[in-house]
């Protein structure tokens, strides 16, 4: 289906630039955005970052050195 959408010039320039950086067309970038929007929260949930849970004997207090943090994050 073909449709017409009015996009403000500054926004279109950004869109065109982003598409070029990703190596795709403006059309492909727009369709990808529409697809993500139509998928709703399921697509957003996949992009969430999960942080490790670090237990503490005293909740609210945890003293870790940089080396310990690196060991936890980068096993």
Foldseek 3Di string as FASTA:
>chain_A
DDDDDDDDPVVVVVLQVVCVVVVHHSVVVVVVVVVLVVVPVVSVVVPDDDDDDDDDPDPPDDDDDPVRVCVRVPD
